[in-house]
Amino acid sequence: MKAEPLLQNSDLTIPAHIAIIMDGNGRWAKARGLPRIAGHRRGADAVRSAIESAIKYGVRYLTLYSFSSENWKRPADEVNDLMGLLRRYLRSEIAELHQNGVRLRVIGERADLSKDIVDLIEDCEARTAGNTTLDLIIALSYGGRSEIVNAAKTLAEKSVAGDISPDDIDEALLEKNLDTSDIPDPDLLIRTSGEQRISNFLLWQLAYAEFVFLDTLWPDFKEPEFVSAISEFSRRERRYGATN
């Protein structure tokens, strides 16, 4: 029997776009005397739970910070394990994502990834391009500062080429040149593990998002934690710099 949503109050506001910094895999594994990769594997289960919860509660966009541009500085063995886990996830989960109407999209520096991973990403994106239940955006080899720099470079090149005037450059034009140009800004940012920073994630897009920080380590993130964050979001008054 299909589980009923934990949220029943019609007054609660469901964010259209939730972004999550998935933090705490390593600490989860260390607390259990396990290698870090064990935490990452369990974290993949939490990803599945987050996607299911997003669909259940009608969230339209879900962005997950999977691997930052700074994460390349981690030990080579851990990076290799993470890339292997990514390969397995893309191969094993795509059929179910497609069946559930999930469109997969990846943002970040693909040039840093191996060719076989890029091929897998492109295949998954193509297979799910027509799905409309949930847009799942994976931030992979991603950094917010480099994204903004890349957009600025693109606009500079267009200006030098005479395609645009410097006076044409405004927030809207810069935004069109970001990785997320056709994706609405997040309404809610969730970060797990008790850390309270955004770690170079969606620096432009999070300008007016509500932040919810949870002590839960990412591998333990399930539907109740998802609901708790939405409940907190529903209590916020979003004024976007204006008065009530």
C-alpha atoms as a PDB file:
ATOM      1  CA  MET A   1       0.000   0.000   0.000  1.00  0.00           C
ATOM      2  CA  LYS A   2       1.270   3.451  -0.900  1.00  0.00           C
ATOM      3  CA  ALA A   3       2.486   5.363   2.153  1.00  0.00           C
ATOM      4  CA  GLU A   4       0.580   8.500   3.031  1.00  0.00           C
ATOM      5  CA  PRO A   5       2.597  11.736   3.187  1.00  0.00           C
ATOM      6  CA  LEU A   6       3.657  12.802   6.657  1.00  0.00           C
ATOM      7  CA  LEU A   7       2.441  16.311   5.931  1.00  0.00           C
ATOM      8  CA  GLN A   8      -1.322  16.726   6.154  1.00  0.00           C
ATOM      9  CA  ASN A   9      -1.657  20.445   6.901  1.00  0.00           C
ATOM     10  CA  SER A  10      -2.830  22.221   3.739  1.00  0.00           C
ATOM     11  CA  ASP A  11      -1.461  25.484   5.129  1.00  0.00           C
ATOM     12  CA  LEU A  12       2.116  24.265   4.705  1.00  0.00           C
ATOM     13  CA  THR A  13       4.001  25.748   1.792  1.00  0.00           C
ATOM     14  CA  ILE A  14       5.860  23.295  -0.458  1.00  0.00           C
ATOM     15  CA  PRO A  15       8.957  24.846  -2.042  1.00  0.00           C
ATOM     16  CA  ALA A  16       9.072  24.602  -5.825  1.00  0.00           C
ATOM     17  CA  HIS A  17      12.851  24.148  -5.715  1.00  0.00           C
ATOM     18  CA  ILE A  18      14.893  22.577  -2.919  1.00  0.00           C
ATOM     19  CA  ALA A  19      18.684  22.479  -2.958  1.00  0.00           C
ATOM     20  CA  ILE A  20      20.602  20.199  -0.608  1.00  0.00           C
ATOM     21  CA  ILE A  21      24.225  20.156   0.531  1.00  0.00           C
ATOM     22  CA  MET A  22      24.651  16.487   1.374  1.00  0.00           C
ATOM     23  CA  ASP A  23      27.175  16.547   4.198  1.00  0.00           C
ATOM     24  CA  GLY A  24      28.309  14.022   6.788  1.00  0.00           C
ATOM     25  CA  ASN A  25      29.056  10.785   4.917  1.00  0.00           C
ATOM     26  CA  GLY A  26      32.602  10.582   6.254  1.00  0.00           C
ATOM     27  CA  ARG A  27      31.603  11.288   9.848  1.00  0.00           C
ATOM     28  CA  TRP A  28      28.811   8.735   9.625  1.00  0.00           C
ATOM     29  CA  ALA A  29      31.325   6.077   8.551  1.00  0.00           C
ATOM     30  CA  LYS A  30      33.957   7.094  11.104  1.00  0.00           C
ATOM     31  CA  ALA A  31      31.465   6.867  13.965  1.00  0.00           C
ATOM     32  CA  ARG A  32      30.876   3.246  12.989  1.00  0.00           C
ATOM     33  CA  GLY A  33      34.508   2.327  12.418  1.00  0.00           C
ATOM     34  CA  LEU A  34      33.905   1.976   8.671  1.00  0.00           C
ATOM     35  CA  PRO A  35      35.876   3.307   5.671  1.00  0.00           C
ATOM     36  CA  ARG A  36      34.656   6.595   4.213  1.00  0.00           C
ATOM     37  CA  ILE A  37      33.347   4.887   1.078  1.00  0.00           C
ATOM     38  CA  ALA A  38      30.834   3.035   3.277  1.00  0.00           C
ATOM     39  CA  GLY A  39      29.387   6.418   4.248  1.00  0.00           C
ATOM     40  CA  HIS A  40      29.207   7.466   0.606  1.00  0.00           C
ATOM     41  CA  ARG A  41      27.414   4.237  -0.305  1.00  0.00           C
ATOM     42  CA  ARG A  42      24.868   4.776   2.458  1.00  0.00           C
ATOM     43  CA  GLY A  43      24.576   8.377   1.302  1.00  0.00           C
ATOM     44  CA  ALA A  44      23.416   7.085  -2.090  1.00  0.00           C
ATOM     45  CA  ASP A  45      20.445   5.510  -0.287  1.00  0.00           C
ATOM     46  CA  ALA A  46      19.644   8.914   1.199  1.00  0.00           C
ATOM     47  CA  VAL A  47      19.684  10.387  -2.316  1.00  0.00           C
ATOM     48  CA  ARG A  48      17.039   7.868  -3.333  1.00  0.00           C
ATOM     49  CA  SER A  49      14.953   8.800  -0.283  1.00  0.00           C
ATOM     50  CA  ALA A  50      15.241  12.529  -1.038  1.00  0.00           C
ATOM     51  CA  ILE A  51      14.071  11.996  -4.615  1.00  0.00           C
ATOM     52  CA  GLU A  52      11.114   9.896  -3.462  1.00  0.00           C
ATOM     53  CA  SER A  53      10.169  12.534  -0.882  1.00  0.00           C
ATOM     54  CA  ALA A  54      10.450  15.355  -3.423  1.00  0.00           C
ATOM     55  CA  ILE A  55       8.070  13.525  -5.753  1.00  0.00           C
ATOM     56  CA  LYS A  56       5.672  12.637  -2.926  1.00  0.00           C
ATOM     57  CA  TYR A  57       5.329  16.230  -1.723  1.00  0.00           C
ATOM     58  CA  GLY A  58       5.187  17.884  -5.141  1.00  0.00           C
ATOM     59  CA  VAL A  59       8.591  19.557  -5.215  1.00  0.00           C
ATOM     60  CA  ARG A  60       9.312  20.454  -8.830  1.00  0.00           C
ATOM     61  CA  TYR A  61      13.104  20.907  -8.740  1.00  0.00           C
ATOM     62  CA  LEU A  62      15.673  19.177  -6.535  1.00  0.00           C
ATOM     63  CA  THR A  63      19.345  20.145  -6.742  1.00  0.00           C
ATOM     64  CA  LEU A  64      21.922  17.991  -4.960  1.00  0.00           C
ATOM     65  CA  TYR A  65      25.514  19.084  -4.302  1.00  0.00           C
ATOM     66  CA  SER A  66      27.205  15.821  -5.184  1.00  0.00           C
ATOM     67  CA  PHE A  67      30.865  16.700  -5.774  1.00  0.00           C
ATOM     68  CA  SER A  68      32.401  20.154  -5.548  1.00  0.00           C
ATOM     69  CA  SER A  69      35.313  21.517  -7.544  1.00  0.00           C
ATOM     70  CA  GLU A  70      37.253  21.528  -4.264  1.00  0.00           C
ATOM     71  CA  ASN A  71      36.546  17.834  -3.687  1.00  0.00           C
ATOM     72  CA  TRP A  72      39.192  16.971  -6.309  1.00  0.00           C
ATOM     73  CA  LYS A  73      41.722  17.815  -3.569  1.00  0.00           C
ATOM     74  CA  ARG A  74      40.659  14.764  -1.552  1.00  0.00           C
ATOM     75  CA  PRO A  75      42.888  11.650  -1.493  1.00  0.00           C
ATOM     76  CA  ALA A  76      43.010   9.931  -4.886  1.00  0.00           C
ATOM     77  CA  ASP A  77      41.595   6.674  -3.496  1.00  0.00           C
ATOM     78  CA  GLU A  78      38.510   8.444  -2.157  1.00  0.00           C
ATOM     79  CA  VAL A  79      37.983  10.360  -5.405  1.00  0.00           C
ATOM     80  CA  ASN A  80      38.268   7.126  -7.392  1.00  0.00           C
ATOM     81  CA  ASP A  81      35.765   5.439  -5.072  1.00  0.00           C
ATOM     82  CA  LEU A  82      33.352   8.352  -5.501  1.00  0.00           C
ATOM     83  CA  MET A  83      33.654   8.266  -9.287  1.00  0.00           C
ATOM     84  CA  GLY A  84      33.051   4.517  -9.229  1.00  0.00           C
ATOM     85  CA  LEU A  85      29.964   5.045  -7.094  1.00  0.00           C
ATOM     86  CA  LEU A  86      28.753   7.699  -9.535  1.00  0.00           C
ATOM     87  CA  ARG A  87      29.148   5.294 -12.454  1.00  0.00           C
ATOM     88  CA  ARG A  88      27.152   2.608 -10.670  1.00  0.00           C
ATOM     89  CA  TYR A  89      24.439   5.080  -9.696  1.00  0.00           C
ATOM     90  CA  LEU A  90      23.993   6.370 -13.247  1.00  0.00           C
ATOM     91  CA  ARG A  91      23.798   2.827 -14.613  1.00  0.00           C
ATOM     92  CA  SER A  92      21.533   1.340 -11.951  1.00  0.00           C
ATOM     93  CA  GLU A  93      19.123   4.180 -11.174  1.00  0.00           C
ATOM     94  CA  ILE A  94      18.352   5.706 -14.558  1.00  0.00           C
ATOM     95  CA  ALA A  95      15.583   3.237 -15.452  1.00  0.00           C
ATOM     96  CA  GLU A  96      13.702   3.913 -12.206  1.00  0.00           C
ATOM     97  CA  LEU A  97      14.218   7.672 -12.486  1.00  0.00           C
ATOM     98  CA  HIS A  98      12.839   7.585 -16.016  1.00  0.00           C
ATOM     99  CA  GLN A  99       9.887   5.436 -14.970  1.00  0.00           C
ATOM    100  CA  ASN A 100       9.029   7.922 -12.204  1.00  0.00           C
ATOM    101  CA  GLY A 101       9.085  10.888 -14.561  1.00  0.00           C
ATOM    102  CA  VAL A 102      12.360  12.349 -13.295  1.00  0.00           C
ATOM    103  CA  ARG A 103      14.453  14.469 -15.631  1.00  0.00           C
ATOM    104  CA  LEU A 104      18.156  14.222 -14.804  1.00  0.00           C
ATOM    105  CA  ARG A 105      20.376  17.227 -15.397  1.00  0.00           C
ATOM    106  CA  VAL A 106      24.020  17.751 -14.431  1.00  0.00           C
ATOM    107  CA  ILE A 107      25.729  21.107 -13.840  1.00  0.00           C
ATOM    108  CA  GLY A 108      29.434  21.692 -13.307  1.00  0.00           C
ATOM    109  CA  GLU A 109      32.749  21.280 -15.122  1.00  0.00           C
ATOM    110  CA  ARG A 110      32.349  18.167 -17.260  1.00  0.00           C
ATOM    111  CA  ALA A 111      35.835  18.654 -18.688  1.00  0.00           C
ATOM    112  CA  ASP A 112      37.201  17.472 -15.337  1.00  0.00           C
ATOM    113  CA  LEU A 113      35.340  14.144 -15.573  1.00  0.00           C
ATOM    114  CA  SER A 114      36.429  11.017 -17.407  1.00  0.00           C
ATOM    115  CA  LYS A 115      34.927  10.440 -20.842  1.00  0.00           C
ATOM    116  CA  ASP A 116      32.930   7.377 -19.819  1.00  0.00           C
ATOM    117  CA  ILE A 117      31.221   9.322 -17.030  1.00  0.00           C
ATOM    118  CA  VAL A 118      30.432  12.198 -19.394  1.00  0.00           C
ATOM    119  CA  ASP A 119      28.976   9.683 -21.871  1.00  0.00           C
ATOM    120  CA  LEU A 120      26.805   8.187 -19.115  1.00  0.00           C
ATOM    121  CA  ILE A 121      25.602  11.638 -18.080  1.00  0.00           C
ATOM    122  CA  GLU A 122      24.721  12.611 -21.638  1.00  0.00           C
ATOM    123  CA  ASP A 123      22.859   9.341 -22.181  1.00  0.00           C
ATOM    124  CA  CYS A 124      20.868   9.773 -18.953  1.00  0.00           C
ATOM    125  CA  GLU A 125      20.032  13.382 -19.775  1.00  0.00           C
ATOM    126  CA  ALA A 126      18.880  12.440 -23.270  1.00  0.00           C
ATOM    127  CA  ARG A 127      16.736   9.524 -22.054  1.00  0.00           C
ATOM    128  CA  THR A 128      14.946  11.617 -19.428  1.00  0.00           C
ATOM    129  CA  ALA A 129      14.741  14.944 -21.283  1.00  0.00           C
ATOM    130  CA  GLY A 130      10.973  14.763 -21.761  1.00  0.00           C
ATOM    131  CA  ASN A 131      10.084  13.967 -18.141  1.00  0.00           C
ATOM    132  CA  THR A 132       8.173  16.553 -16.141  1.00  0.00           C
ATOM    133  CA  THR A 133       7.448  15.158 -12.653  1.00  0.00           C
ATOM    134  CA  LEU A 134      10.731  16.285 -11.101  1.00  0.00           C
ATOM    135  CA  ASP A 135      13.868  17.944 -12.415  1.00  0.00           C
ATOM    136  CA  LEU A 136      16.797  16.365 -10.565  1.00  0.00           C
ATOM    137  CA  ILE A 137      19.858  18.581 -10.905  1.00  0.00           C
ATOM    138  CA  ILE A 138      23.169  17.071  -9.842  1.00  0.00           C
ATOM    139  CA  ALA A 139      25.977  19.554  -9.141  1.00  0.00           C
ATOM    140  CA  LEU A 140      29.086  17.596 -10.100  1.00  0.00           C
ATOM    141  CA  SER A 141      32.619  19.032 -10.196  1.00  0.00           C
ATOM    142  CA  TYR A 142      30.770  22.260  -9.478  1.00  0.00           C
ATOM    143  CA  GLY A 143      31.827  25.539  -7.909  1.00  0.00           C
ATOM    144  CA  GLY A 144      29.679  28.644  -7.627  1.00  0.00           C
ATOM    145  CA  ARG A 145      32.539  31.091  -8.129  1.00  0.00           C
ATOM    146  CA  SER A 146      33.797  29.376 -11.285  1.00  0.00           C
ATOM    147  CA  GLU A 147      30.245  29.278 -12.651  1.00  0.00           C
ATOM    148  CA  ILE A 148      29.968  33.065 -12.281  1.00  0.00           C
ATOM    149  CA  VAL A 149      33.459  33.586 -13.733  1.00  0.00           C
ATOM    150  CA  ASN A 150      32.570  31.418 -16.747  1.00  0.00           C
ATOM    151  CA  ALA A 151      29.407  33.447 -17.321  1.00  0.00           C
ATOM    152  CA  ALA A 152      31.410  36.685 -17.097  1.00  0.00           C
ATOM    153  CA  LYS A 153      33.957  35.350 -19.608  1.00  0.00           C
ATOM    154  CA  THR A 154      31.185  34.432 -22.029  1.00  0.00           C
ATOM    155  CA  LEU A 155      29.702  37.916 -21.814  1.00  0.00           C
ATOM    156  CA  ALA A 156      33.151  39.495 -22.223  1.00  0.00           C
ATOM    157  CA  GLU A 157      33.772  37.448 -25.365  1.00  0.00           C
ATOM    158  CA  LYS A 158      30.385  38.465 -26.780  1.00  0.00           C
ATOM    159  CA  SER A 159      31.151  42.104 -26.019  1.00  0.00           C
ATOM    160  CA  VAL A 160      34.581  41.965 -27.699  1.00  0.00           C
ATOM    161  CA  ALA A 161      32.981  40.292 -30.714  1.00  0.00           C
ATOM    162  CA  GLY A 162      30.454  43.124 -30.906  1.00  0.00           C
ATOM    163  CA  ASP A 163      27.476  40.872 -30.268  1.00  0.00           C
ATOM    164  CA  ILE A 164      26.492  42.835 -27.174  1.00  0.00           C
ATOM    165  CA  SER A 165      27.349  46.190 -25.651  1.00  0.00           C
ATOM    166  CA  PRO A 166      28.726  46.424 -22.099  1.00  0.00           C
ATOM    167  CA  ASP A 167      25.617  48.453 -21.329  1.00  0.00           C
ATOM    168  CA  ASP A 168      23.506  45.411 -22.220  1.00  0.00           C
ATOM    169  CA  ILE A 169      24.956  43.410 -19.333  1.00  0.00           C
ATOM    170  CA  ASP A 170      22.602  43.235 -16.381  1.00  0.00           C
ATOM    171  CA  GLU A 171      21.517  40.600 -13.866  1.00  0.00           C
ATOM    172  CA  ALA A 172      19.106  38.976 -16.297  1.00  0.00           C
ATOM    173  CA  LEU A 173      21.734  38.597 -19.031  1.00  0.00           C
ATOM    174  CA  LEU A 174      24.352  37.201 -16.671  1.00  0.00           C
ATOM    175  CA  GLU A 175      21.796  34.775 -15.282  1.00  0.00           C
ATOM    176  CA  LYS A 176      21.076  33.486 -18.798  1.00  0.00           C
ATOM    177  CA  ASN A 177      24.713  32.427 -19.049  1.00  0.00           C
ATOM    178  CA  LEU A 178      24.801  30.412 -15.823  1.00  0.00           C
ATOM    179  CA  ASP A 179      24.540  26.609 -15.737  1.00  0.00           C
ATOM    180  CA  THR A 180      21.040  27.020 -14.293  1.00  0.00           C
ATOM    181  CA  SER A 181      19.759  29.506 -16.863  1.00  0.00           C
ATOM    182  CA  ASP A 182      16.392  27.772 -17.333  1.00  0.00           C
ATOM    183  CA  ILE A 183      15.964  26.608 -13.731  1.00  0.00           C
ATOM    184  CA  PRO A 184      14.246  28.768 -11.086  1.00  0.00           C
ATOM    185  CA  ASP A 185      16.296  29.784  -8.085  1.00  0.00           C
ATOM    186  CA  PRO A 186      16.013  27.525  -5.009  1.00  0.00           C
ATOM    187  CA  ASP A 187      13.394  28.461  -2.473  1.00  0.00           C
ATOM    188  CA  LEU A 188      14.959  26.330   0.254  1.00  0.00           C
ATOM    189  CA  LEU A 189      18.521  25.226   0.960  1.00  0.00           C
ATOM    190  CA  ILE A 190      19.030  22.284   3.303  1.00  0.00           C
ATOM    191  CA  ARG A 191      22.430  21.381   4.703  1.00  0.00           C
ATOM    192  CA  THR A 192      22.931  18.303   6.823  1.00  0.00           C
ATOM    193  CA  SER A 193      25.533  17.384   9.505  1.00  0.00           C
ATOM    194  CA  GLY A 194      25.284  20.570  11.558  1.00  0.00           C
ATOM    195  CA  GLU A 195      27.577  22.688   9.387  1.00  0.00           C
ATOM    196  CA  GLN A 196      26.272  26.187   8.650  1.00  0.00           C
ATOM    197  CA  ARG A 197      27.889  27.419   5.455  1.00  0.00           C
ATOM    198  CA  ILE A 198      27.144  27.121   1.725  1.00  0.00           C
ATOM    199  CA  SER A 199      30.603  25.970   0.577  1.00  0.00           C
ATOM    200  CA  ASN A 200      30.700  27.633  -2.856  1.00  0.00           C
ATOM    201  CA  PHE A 201      27.297  26.216  -3.827  1.00  0.00           C
ATOM    202  CA  LEU A 202      24.891  28.177  -6.069  1.00  0.00           C
ATOM    203  CA  LEU A 203      26.275  31.518  -4.904  1.00  0.00           C
ATOM    204  CA  TRP A 204      24.168  33.526  -7.346  1.00  0.00           C
ATOM    205  CA  GLN A 205      21.032  31.420  -7.132  1.00  0.00           C
ATOM    206  CA  LEU A 206      20.749  31.291  -3.330  1.00  0.00           C
ATOM    207  CA  ALA A 207      20.396  35.071  -2.952  1.00  0.00           C
ATOM    208  CA  TYR A 208      16.888  34.837  -1.478  1.00  0.00           C
ATOM    209  CA  ALA A 209      16.636  31.181  -0.479  1.00  0.00           C
ATOM    210  CA  GLU A 210      15.654  30.169   3.032  1.00  0.00           C
ATOM    211  CA  PHE A 211      18.379  28.161   4.804  1.00  0.00           C
ATOM    212  CA  VAL A 212      17.654  25.203   7.063  1.00  0.00           C
ATOM    213  CA  PHE A 213      20.582  23.497   8.803  1.00  0.00           C
ATOM    214  CA  LEU A 214      20.031  20.021  10.220  1.00  0.00           C
ATOM    215  CA  ASP A 215      22.251  18.129  12.660  1.00  0.00           C
ATOM    216  CA  THR A 216      21.390  14.864  10.880  1.00  0.00           C
ATOM    217  CA  LEU A 217      24.269  13.276   8.969  1.00  0.00           C
ATOM    218  CA  TRP A 218      23.419  12.778   5.318  1.00  0.00           C
ATOM    219  CA  PRO A 219      23.225   8.939   5.375  1.00  0.00           C
ATOM    220  CA  ASP A 220      20.506   9.260   8.050  1.00  0.00           C
ATOM    221  CA  PHE A 221      18.479  11.800   6.034  1.00  0.00           C
ATOM    222  CA  LYS A 222      15.043  10.313   5.382  1.00  0.00           C
ATOM    223  CA  GLU A 223      11.468  11.489   4.836  1.00  0.00           C
ATOM    224  CA  PRO A 224      10.988  12.825   8.415  1.00  0.00           C
ATOM    225  CA  GLU A 225      14.027  15.109   7.996  1.00  0.00           C
ATOM    226  CA  PHE A 226      12.749  16.209   4.591  1.00  0.00           C
ATOM    227  CA  VAL A 227       9.383  17.037   6.142  1.00  0.00           C
ATOM    228  CA  SER A 228      11.021  18.846   9.072  1.00  0.00           C
ATOM    229  CA  ALA A 229      12.860  21.166   6.688  1.00  0.00           C
ATOM    230  CA  ILE A 230       9.691  21.908   4.709  1.00  0.00           C
ATOM    231  CA  SER A 231       7.808  22.605   7.929  1.00  0.00           C
ATOM    232  CA  GLU A 232      10.471  25.102   8.986  1.00  0.00           C
ATOM    233  CA  PHE A 233      10.351  26.699   5.533  1.00  0.00           C
ATOM    234  CA  SER A 234       6.582  27.083   5.870  1.00  0.00           C
ATOM    235  CA  ARG A 235       7.033  29.132   9.038  1.00  0.00           C
ATOM    236  CA  ARG A 236       9.321  31.642   7.333  1.00  0.00           C
ATOM    237  CA  GLU A 237       8.098  34.956   5.977  1.00  0.00           C
ATOM    238  CA  ARG A 238       9.801  35.666   2.665  1.00  0.00           C
ATOM    239  CA  ARG A 239       9.963  39.404   1.974  1.00  0.00           C
ATOM    240  CA  TYR A 240      12.790  39.579  -0.613  1.00  0.00           C
ATOM    241  CA  GLY A 241      14.149  42.726   0.966  1.00  0.00           C
ATOM    242  CA  ALA A 242      10.767  44.473   1.189  1.00  0.00           C
ATOM    243  CA  THR A 243       8.584  45.181   4.203  1.00  0.00           C
ATOM    244  CA  ASN A 244       5.554  43.138   5.148  1.00  0.00           C
END
